[in-house]
C-alpha atoms as a PDB file:
ATOM      1  CA  UNK A   1      21.457   4.791  12.181  1.00  0.00           C
ATOM      2  CA  UNK A   2      18.421   2.645  11.434  1.00  0.00           C
ATOM      3  CA  UNK A   3      19.057  -1.046  11.965  1.00  0.00           C
ATOM      4  CA  UNK A   4      16.969  -4.054  10.923  1.00  0.00           C
ATOM      5  CA  UNK A   5      17.495  -7.221  12.967  1.00  0.00           C
ATOM      6  CA  UNK A   6      15.997 -10.468  11.662  1.00  0.00           C
ATOM      7  CA  UNK A   7      16.206 -13.245  14.297  1.00  0.00           C
ATOM      8  CA  UNK A   8      16.494 -16.696  12.712  1.00  0.00           C
ATOM      9  CA  UNK A   9      17.777 -19.497  14.905  1.00  0.00           C
ATOM     10  CA  UNK A  10      18.290 -22.937  13.460  1.00  0.00           C
ATOM     11  CA  UNK A  11      16.482 -25.091  16.021  1.00  0.00           C
ATOM     12  CA  UNK A  12      12.816 -24.809  15.066  1.00  0.00           C
ATOM     13  CA  UNK A  13      10.984 -27.873  16.416  1.00  0.00           C
ATOM     14  CA  UNK A  14       7.391 -27.762  15.129  1.00  0.00           C
ATOM     15  CA  UNK A  15       8.386 -26.843  11.569  1.00  0.00           C
ATOM     16  CA  UNK A  16      11.988 -28.024  11.095  1.00  0.00           C
ATOM     17  CA  UNK A  17      14.226 -25.506   9.309  1.00  0.00           C
ATOM     18  CA  UNK A  18      11.221 -23.240   8.819  1.00  0.00           C
ATOM     19  CA  UNK A  19      13.320 -20.081   8.468  1.00  0.00           C
ATOM     20  CA  UNK A  20      14.794 -21.326   5.193  1.00  0.00           C
ATOM     21  CA  UNK A  21      12.054 -23.750   4.117  1.00  0.00           C
ATOM     22  CA  UNK A  22      10.795 -22.887   0.607  1.00  0.00           C
ATOM     23  CA  UNK A  23       7.688 -20.716   0.628  1.00  0.00           C
ATOM     24  CA  UNK A  24       6.200 -19.078  -2.439  1.00  0.00           C
ATOM     25  CA  UNK A  25       9.256 -19.886  -4.519  1.00  0.00           C
ATOM     26  CA  UNK A  26      11.988 -18.692  -2.161  1.00  0.00           C
ATOM     27  CA  UNK A  27      13.350 -19.440   1.328  1.00  0.00           C
ATOM     28  CA  UNK A  28      10.975 -18.129   3.990  1.00  0.00           C
ATOM     29  CA  UNK A  29      13.492 -15.656   5.407  1.00  0.00           C
ATOM     30  CA  UNK A  30      13.968 -14.104   1.970  1.00  0.00           C
ATOM     31  CA  UNK A  31      10.545 -12.426   2.188  1.00  0.00           C
ATOM     32  CA  UNK A  32      11.584 -10.477   5.295  1.00  0.00           C
ATOM     33  CA  UNK A  33      14.959  -9.528   3.849  1.00  0.00           C
ATOM     34  CA  UNK A  34      13.314  -8.385   0.625  1.00  0.00           C
ATOM     35  CA  UNK A  35      10.754  -6.205   2.450  1.00  0.00           C
ATOM     36  CA  UNK A  36      13.512  -4.629   4.547  1.00  0.00           C
ATOM     37  CA  UNK A  37      15.565  -3.835   1.449  1.00  0.00           C
ATOM     38  CA  UNK A  38      12.558  -2.486  -0.462  1.00  0.00           C
ATOM     39  CA  UNK A  39      11.685  -0.149   2.413  1.00  0.00           C
ATOM     40  CA  UNK A  40      14.872   1.789   1.651  1.00  0.00           C
ATOM     41  CA  UNK A  41      15.214   3.136   5.189  1.00  0.00           C
ATOM     42  CA  UNK A  42      17.793   0.854   6.814  1.00  0.00           C
ATOM     43  CA  UNK A  43      21.496   1.534   7.100  1.00  0.00           C
ATOM     44  CA  UNK A  44      22.111  -2.138   7.932  1.00  0.00           C
ATOM     45  CA  UNK A  45      19.970  -5.261   7.574  1.00  0.00           C
ATOM     46  CA  UNK A  46      21.333  -7.941   9.875  1.00  0.00           C
ATOM     47  CA  UNK A  47      20.262 -11.547  10.385  1.00  0.00           C
ATOM     48  CA  UNK A  48      20.944 -12.826  13.900  1.00  0.00           C
ATOM     49  CA  UNK A  49      21.395 -16.588  13.716  1.00  0.00           C
ATOM     50  CA  UNK A  50      23.321 -19.432  15.297  1.00  0.00           C
ATOM     51  CA  UNK A  51      23.148 -21.489  12.094  1.00  0.00           C
ATOM     52  CA  UNK A  52      25.723 -21.318   9.283  1.00  0.00           C
ATOM     53  CA  UNK A  53      23.289 -22.549   6.609  1.00  0.00           C
ATOM     54  CA  UNK A  54      20.774 -19.830   7.517  1.00  0.00           C
ATOM     55  CA  UNK A  55      23.637 -17.335   7.480  1.00  0.00           C
ATOM     56  CA  UNK A  56      24.598 -18.376   3.942  1.00  0.00           C
ATOM     57  CA  UNK A  57      21.002 -18.101   2.696  1.00  0.00           C
ATOM     58  CA  UNK A  58      20.628 -14.685   4.323  1.00  0.00           C
ATOM     59  CA  UNK A  59      23.778 -13.417   2.630  1.00  0.00           C
ATOM     60  CA  UNK A  60      22.611 -14.811  -0.728  1.00  0.00           C
ATOM     61  CA  UNK A  61      19.508 -12.593  -0.453  1.00  0.00           C
ATOM     62  CA  UNK A  62      21.406  -9.454   0.527  1.00  0.00           C
ATOM     63  CA  UNK A  63      21.437  -9.384   4.330  1.00  0.00           C
ATOM     64  CA  UNK A  64      24.485  -8.977   6.565  1.00  0.00           C
ATOM     65  CA  UNK A  65      25.491 -11.681   9.042  1.00  0.00           C
ATOM     66  CA  UNK A  66      28.397 -10.039  10.870  1.00  0.00           C
ATOM     67  CA  UNK A  67      28.232 -12.425  13.845  1.00  0.00           C
ATOM     68  CA  UNK A  68      26.791 -15.767  14.874  1.00  0.00           C
ATOM     69  CA  UNK A  69      24.427 -15.601  17.820  1.00  0.00           C
ATOM     70  CA  UNK A  70      25.749 -17.298  20.995  1.00  0.00           C
ATOM     71  CA  UNK A  71      24.187 -20.570  22.156  1.00  0.00           C
ATOM     72  CA  UNK A  72      22.752 -19.014  25.312  1.00  0.00           C
ATOM     73  CA  UNK A  73      20.553 -16.793  23.106  1.00  0.00           C
ATOM     74  CA  UNK A  74      19.503 -19.578  20.734  1.00  0.00           C
ATOM     75  CA  UNK A  75      17.341 -21.937  22.777  1.00  0.00           C
ATOM     76  CA  UNK A  76      13.568 -22.411  22.802  1.00  0.00           C
ATOM     77  CA  UNK A  77      13.089 -19.983  25.685  1.00  0.00           C
ATOM     78  CA  UNK A  78      14.998 -16.952  24.415  1.00  0.00           C
ATOM     79  CA  UNK A  79      12.711 -13.999  23.734  1.00  0.00           C
ATOM     80  CA  UNK A  80      12.913 -11.319  21.090  1.00  0.00           C
ATOM     81  CA  UNK A  81      14.175  -8.502  23.318  1.00  0.00           C
ATOM     82  CA  UNK A  82      17.485 -10.118  24.412  1.00  0.00           C
ATOM     83  CA  UNK A  83      18.256 -11.135  20.825  1.00  0.00           C
ATOM     84  CA  UNK A  84      17.790  -7.569  19.573  1.00  0.00           C
ATOM     85  CA  UNK A  85      19.693  -6.181  22.572  1.00  0.00           C
ATOM     86  CA  UNK A  86      22.603  -8.497  21.727  1.00  0.00           C
ATOM     87  CA  UNK A  87      22.728  -7.104  18.176  1.00  0.00           C
ATOM     88  CA  UNK A  88      22.624  -3.517  19.463  1.00  0.00           C
ATOM     89  CA  UNK A  89      25.439  -4.266  21.924  1.00  0.00           C
ATOM     90  CA  UNK A  90      27.495  -5.765  19.086  1.00  0.00           C
ATOM     91  CA  UNK A  91      27.226  -2.559  17.072  1.00  0.00           C
ATOM     92  CA  UNK A  92      27.843  -0.296  20.054  1.00  0.00           C
ATOM     93  CA  UNK A  93      31.019  -2.210  20.856  1.00  0.00           C
ATOM     94  CA  UNK A  94      32.205  -1.183  17.388  1.00  0.00           C
ATOM     95  CA  UNK A  95      31.361   2.486  17.928  1.00  0.00           C
ATOM     96  CA  UNK A  96      28.134   2.360  15.927  1.00  0.00           C
ATOM     97  CA  UNK A  97      24.968   3.546  17.665  1.00  0.00           C
ATOM     98  CA  UNK A  98      21.659   2.479  16.146  1.00  0.00           C
ATOM     99  CA  UNK A  99      18.996   5.012  17.147  1.00  0.00           C
ATOM    100  CA  UNK A 100      15.966   3.091  15.890  1.00  0.00           C
ATOM    101  CA  UNK A 101      15.915  -0.674  15.538  1.00  0.00           C
ATOM    102  CA  UNK A 102      13.330  -2.780  13.747  1.00  0.00           C
ATOM    103  CA  UNK A 103      13.069  -6.453  14.599  1.00  0.00           C
ATOM    104  CA  UNK A 104      11.545  -8.246  11.601  1.00  0.00           C
ATOM    105  CA  UNK A 105      10.527 -11.850  12.087  1.00  0.00           C
ATOM    106  CA  UNK A 106      12.034 -14.359   9.653  1.00  0.00           C
ATOM    107  CA  UNK A 107       8.650 -16.023   9.160  1.00  0.00           C
ATOM    108  CA  UNK A 108       6.692 -12.964   8.023  1.00  0.00           C
ATOM    109  CA  UNK A 109       6.076 -13.505   4.298  1.00  0.00           C
ATOM    110  CA  UNK A 110       3.225 -10.975   4.227  1.00  0.00           C
ATOM    111  CA  UNK A 111       5.220  -8.062   5.633  1.00  0.00           C
ATOM    112  CA  UNK A 112       5.324  -5.098   3.256  1.00  0.00           C
ATOM    113  CA  UNK A 113       7.936  -2.391   2.793  1.00  0.00           C
ATOM    114  CA  UNK A 114       5.212   0.262   3.101  1.00  0.00           C
ATOM    115  CA  UNK A 115       4.189  -1.087   6.518  1.00  0.00           C
ATOM    116  CA  UNK A 116       7.790  -1.030   7.709  1.00  0.00           C
ATOM    117  CA  UNK A 117       8.121   2.595   6.608  1.00  0.00           C
ATOM    118  CA  UNK A 118       4.826   3.459   8.289  1.00  0.00           C
ATOM    119  CA  UNK A 119       6.065   1.845  11.489  1.00  0.00           C
ATOM    120  CA  UNK A 120       9.201   3.998  11.452  1.00  0.00           C
ATOM    121  CA  UNK A 121       7.161   7.139  10.854  1.00  0.00           C
ATOM    122  CA  UNK A 122       4.684   6.213  13.589  1.00  0.00           C
ATOM    123  CA  UNK A 123       7.475   5.601  16.081  1.00  0.00           C
ATOM    124  CA  UNK A 124       9.140   8.943  15.315  1.00  0.00           C
ATOM    125  CA  UNK A 125       6.000  11.061  15.281  1.00  0.00           C
ATOM    126  CA  UNK A 126       4.456   9.507  18.406  1.00  0.00           C
ATOM    127  CA  UNK A 127       7.522   9.655  20.626  1.00  0.00           C
ATOM    128  CA  UNK A 128       6.642   6.129  21.774  1.00  0.00           C
ATOM    129  CA  UNK A 129       9.065   3.376  22.742  1.00  0.00           C
ATOM    130  CA  UNK A 130       7.731   0.830  20.259  1.00  0.00           C
ATOM    131  CA  UNK A 131       5.543   0.698  17.154  1.00  0.00           C
ATOM    132  CA  UNK A 132       4.319  -2.569  15.687  1.00  0.00           C
ATOM    133  CA  UNK A 133       1.505  -3.923  13.481  1.00  0.00           C
ATOM    134  CA  UNK A 134      -1.722  -5.274  14.942  1.00  0.00           C
ATOM    135  CA  UNK A 135      -4.926  -6.609  13.463  1.00  0.00           C
ATOM    136  CA  UNK A 136      -8.399  -7.130  14.827  1.00  0.00           C
ATOM    137  CA  UNK A 137      -9.802 -10.415  16.093  1.00  0.00           C
ATOM    138  CA  UNK A 138     -12.423 -11.864  13.774  1.00  0.00           C
ATOM    139  CA  UNK A 139     -14.715 -12.710  16.709  1.00  0.00           C
ATOM    140  CA  UNK A 140     -15.398 -10.800  19.948  1.00  0.00           C
ATOM    141  CA  UNK A 141     -12.917 -12.078  22.518  1.00  0.00           C
ATOM    142  CA  UNK A 142     -15.378 -11.248  25.310  1.00  0.00           C
ATOM    143  CA  UNK A 143     -17.532 -14.147  24.091  1.00  0.00           C
ATOM    144  CA  UNK A 144     -14.691 -16.676  23.907  1.00  0.00           C
ATOM    145  CA  UNK A 145     -15.259 -20.233  25.135  1.00  0.00           C
ATOM    146  CA  UNK A 146     -12.832 -22.655  26.757  1.00  0.00           C
ATOM    147  CA  UNK A 147     -12.941 -26.438  27.094  1.00  0.00           C
ATOM    148  CA  UNK A 148     -13.068 -27.803  30.629  1.00  0.00           C
ATOM    149  CA  UNK A 149     -11.199 -30.959  31.762  1.00  0.00           C
ATOM    150  CA  UNK A 150     -14.546 -32.805  31.973  1.00  0.00           C
ATOM    151  CA  UNK A 151     -15.210 -32.209  28.265  1.00  0.00           C
ATOM    152  CA  UNK A 152     -17.833 -29.503  28.801  1.00  0.00           C
ATOM    153  CA  UNK A 153     -17.466 -25.843  27.851  1.00  0.00           C
ATOM    154  CA  UNK A 154     -17.666 -22.523  29.661  1.00  0.00           C
ATOM    155  CA  UNK A 155     -17.332 -18.872  28.720  1.00  0.00           C
ATOM    156  CA  UNK A 156     -14.281 -16.933  29.763  1.00  0.00           C
ATOM    157  CA  UNK A 157     -16.604 -14.065  30.628  1.00  0.00           C
ATOM    158  CA  UNK A 158     -20.190 -15.293  31.265  1.00  0.00           C
ATOM    159  CA  UNK A 159     -21.333 -11.708  31.917  1.00  0.00           C
ATOM    160  CA  UNK A 160     -21.282 -11.144  28.148  1.00  0.00           C
ATOM    161  CA  UNK A 161     -23.501 -14.068  27.155  1.00  0.00           C
ATOM    162  CA  UNK A 162     -26.383 -11.712  26.361  1.00  0.00           C
ATOM    163  CA  UNK A 163     -24.246  -8.838  25.024  1.00  0.00           C
ATOM    164  CA  UNK A 164     -24.609  -8.184  21.327  1.00  0.00           C
ATOM    165  CA  UNK A 165     -21.393  -8.460  19.346  1.00  0.00           C
ATOM    166  CA  UNK A 166     -21.802  -4.928  17.965  1.00  0.00           C
ATOM    167  CA  UNK A 167     -21.925  -3.562  21.521  1.00  0.00           C
ATOM    168  CA  UNK A 168     -18.530  -4.995  22.479  1.00  0.00           C
ATOM    169  CA  UNK A 169     -15.282  -3.047  21.936  1.00  0.00           C
ATOM    170  CA  UNK A 170     -13.064  -4.377  19.159  1.00  0.00           C
ATOM    171  CA  UNK A 171      -9.956  -6.226  20.282  1.00  0.00           C
ATOM    172  CA  UNK A 172      -6.622  -6.489  18.489  1.00  0.00           C
ATOM    173  CA  UNK A 173      -3.656  -8.836  18.525  1.00  0.00           C
ATOM    174  CA  UNK A 174      -0.010  -8.636  17.533  1.00  0.00           C
ATOM    175  CA  UNK A 175       0.462  -9.325  13.824  1.00  0.00           C
ATOM    176  CA  UNK A 176       3.811 -11.045  14.458  1.00  0.00           C
ATOM    177  CA  UNK A 177       5.661  -9.253  11.655  1.00  0.00           C
ATOM    178  CA  UNK A 178       7.942  -6.503  12.962  1.00  0.00           C
ATOM    179  CA  UNK A 179       8.646  -4.279  15.976  1.00  0.00           C
ATOM    180  CA  UNK A 180      10.184  -0.832  15.729  1.00  0.00           C
ATOM    181  CA  UNK A 181      11.796   0.430  18.919  1.00  0.00           C
ATOM    182  CA  UNK A 182      14.251   3.014  20.160  1.00  0.00           C
ATOM    183  CA  UNK A 183      17.676   1.909  21.312  1.00  0.00           C
ATOM    184  CA  UNK A 184      16.854   2.819  24.913  1.00  0.00           C
ATOM    185  CA  UNK A 185      13.598   0.851  24.838  1.00  0.00           C
ATOM    186  CA  UNK A 186      15.246  -2.325  23.535  1.00  0.00           C
ATOM    187  CA  UNK A 187      18.138  -2.137  25.981  1.00  0.00           C
ATOM    188  CA  UNK A 188      16.055  -1.261  29.051  1.00  0.00           C
ATOM    189  CA  UNK A 189      13.701  -4.212  28.656  1.00  0.00           C
ATOM    190  CA  UNK A 190      10.539  -2.082  28.417  1.00  0.00           C
ATOM    191  CA  UNK A 191       7.563  -4.351  27.614  1.00  0.00           C
ATOM    192  CA  UNK A 192       6.626  -4.207  23.945  1.00  0.00           C
ATOM    193  CA  UNK A 193       2.946  -4.699  24.757  1.00  0.00           C
ATOM    194  CA  UNK A 194       2.571  -1.687  27.015  1.00  0.00           C
ATOM    195  CA  UNK A 195       1.284   1.849  27.262  1.00  0.00           C
ATOM    196  CA  UNK A 196       4.454   3.215  25.634  1.00  0.00           C
ATOM    197  CA  UNK A 197       3.711   1.416  22.353  1.00  0.00           C
ATOM    198  CA  UNK A 198       1.650   2.501  19.354  1.00  0.00           C
ATOM    199  CA  UNK A 199      -0.045   0.364  16.678  1.00  0.00           C
ATOM    200  CA  UNK A 200       0.144   0.096  12.932  1.00  0.00           C
ATOM    201  CA  UNK A 201      -3.229  -1.419  12.017  1.00  0.00           C
ATOM    202  CA  UNK A 202      -3.256  -4.066   9.284  1.00  0.00           C
ATOM    203  CA  UNK A 203      -6.179  -5.797   7.570  1.00  0.00           C
ATOM    204  CA  UNK A 204      -6.769  -9.356   8.780  1.00  0.00           C
ATOM    205  CA  UNK A 205      -6.231 -10.856   5.330  1.00  0.00           C
ATOM    206  CA  UNK A 206      -2.525  -9.915   5.458  1.00  0.00           C
ATOM    207  CA  UNK A 207      -1.790 -11.489   8.836  1.00  0.00           C
ATOM    208  CA  UNK A 208      -0.910 -15.119   9.521  1.00  0.00           C
ATOM    209  CA  UNK A 209       1.191 -16.467  12.368  1.00  0.00           C
ATOM    210  CA  UNK A 210       3.379 -19.404  11.320  1.00  0.00           C
ATOM    211  CA  UNK A 211       4.249 -21.678  14.242  1.00  0.00           C
ATOM    212  CA  UNK A 212       2.734 -25.060  13.320  1.00  0.00           C
ATOM    213  CA  UNK A 213       2.331 -27.153  10.141  1.00  0.00           C
ATOM    214  CA  UNK A 214      -1.334 -26.096  10.051  1.00  0.00           C
ATOM    215  CA  UNK A 215      -0.252 -22.442  10.191  1.00  0.00           C
ATOM    216  CA  UNK A 216       2.091 -23.087   7.281  1.00  0.00           C
ATOM    217  CA  UNK A 217      -0.717 -24.561   5.181  1.00  0.00           C
ATOM    218  CA  UNK A 218      -2.952 -21.593   5.986  1.00  0.00           C
ATOM    219  CA  UNK A 219      -0.152 -19.211   5.017  1.00  0.00           C
ATOM    220  CA  UNK A 220       0.289 -20.951   1.662  1.00  0.00           C
ATOM    221  CA  UNK A 221      -3.450 -20.687   1.023  1.00  0.00           C
ATOM    222  CA  UNK A 222      -3.383 -17.016   2.010  1.00  0.00           C
ATOM    223  CA  UNK A 223      -0.462 -16.359  -0.318  1.00  0.00           C
ATOM    224  CA  UNK A 224      -2.423 -17.884  -3.192  1.00  0.00           C
ATOM    225  CA  UNK A 225      -5.512 -15.856  -2.310  1.00  0.00           C
ATOM    226  CA  UNK A 226      -3.533 -12.608  -2.222  1.00  0.00           C
ATOM    227  CA  UNK A 227      -1.909 -13.422  -5.553  1.00  0.00           C
ATOM    228  CA  UNK A 228      -5.332 -14.085  -7.084  1.00  0.00           C
ATOM    229  CA  UNK A 229      -6.670 -10.832  -5.609  1.00  0.00           C
ATOM    230  CA  UNK A 230      -3.802  -8.847  -7.112  1.00  0.00           C
ATOM    231  CA  UNK A 231      -3.849 -10.542 -10.528  1.00  0.00           C
ATOM    232  CA  UNK A 232      -4.926  -8.375 -13.488  1.00  0.00           C
ATOM    233  CA  UNK A 233      -8.615  -8.734 -14.319  1.00  0.00           C
END
């Protein structure tokens, strides 16, 4: 059984109600549900939420909401792994055993069905615990600068001040879209960012984290740019 779990709690602080806030003509969470459905590989697509309004929106767009998430898993400090583990436990208690579980973030409007399918294939073929999308940093992280309390600046790694950018290894970061994992990996608490994980590499233009109002504005601009890029010439 392949299970999609879309976490979507109701208490977002920096962007209130962001999981169901309109984006590109539909509630934000609808993009993730749509990609999961279009992938055609899930036996169940479940939204894990503590919020009845989010639950209603999720159902309207074709997801299942067979339970409401308990309060102890719905605060600002609850991570992804315990939320997915709770969903797996719920199914196991009903004699259903998901073998591969994909956590898809509710605020991932650029996630594609093809990427989700590629993640599943990568997980299976690699024998890894997790597979998830990453993208490269636009600037060498070895030459990053931080601001000091006195208002001056300093390099994180001064040894690379003279190193040419093309001589530095490329670095990648989590794309914040989805995470495929085996049942054992999710339930055992294995770190997602570890040696037992494999990447699905995405182009930078299809990746945008959405945590702040500024992020939201950038995501809207990116959506418009992608639409223009894909428009018939």
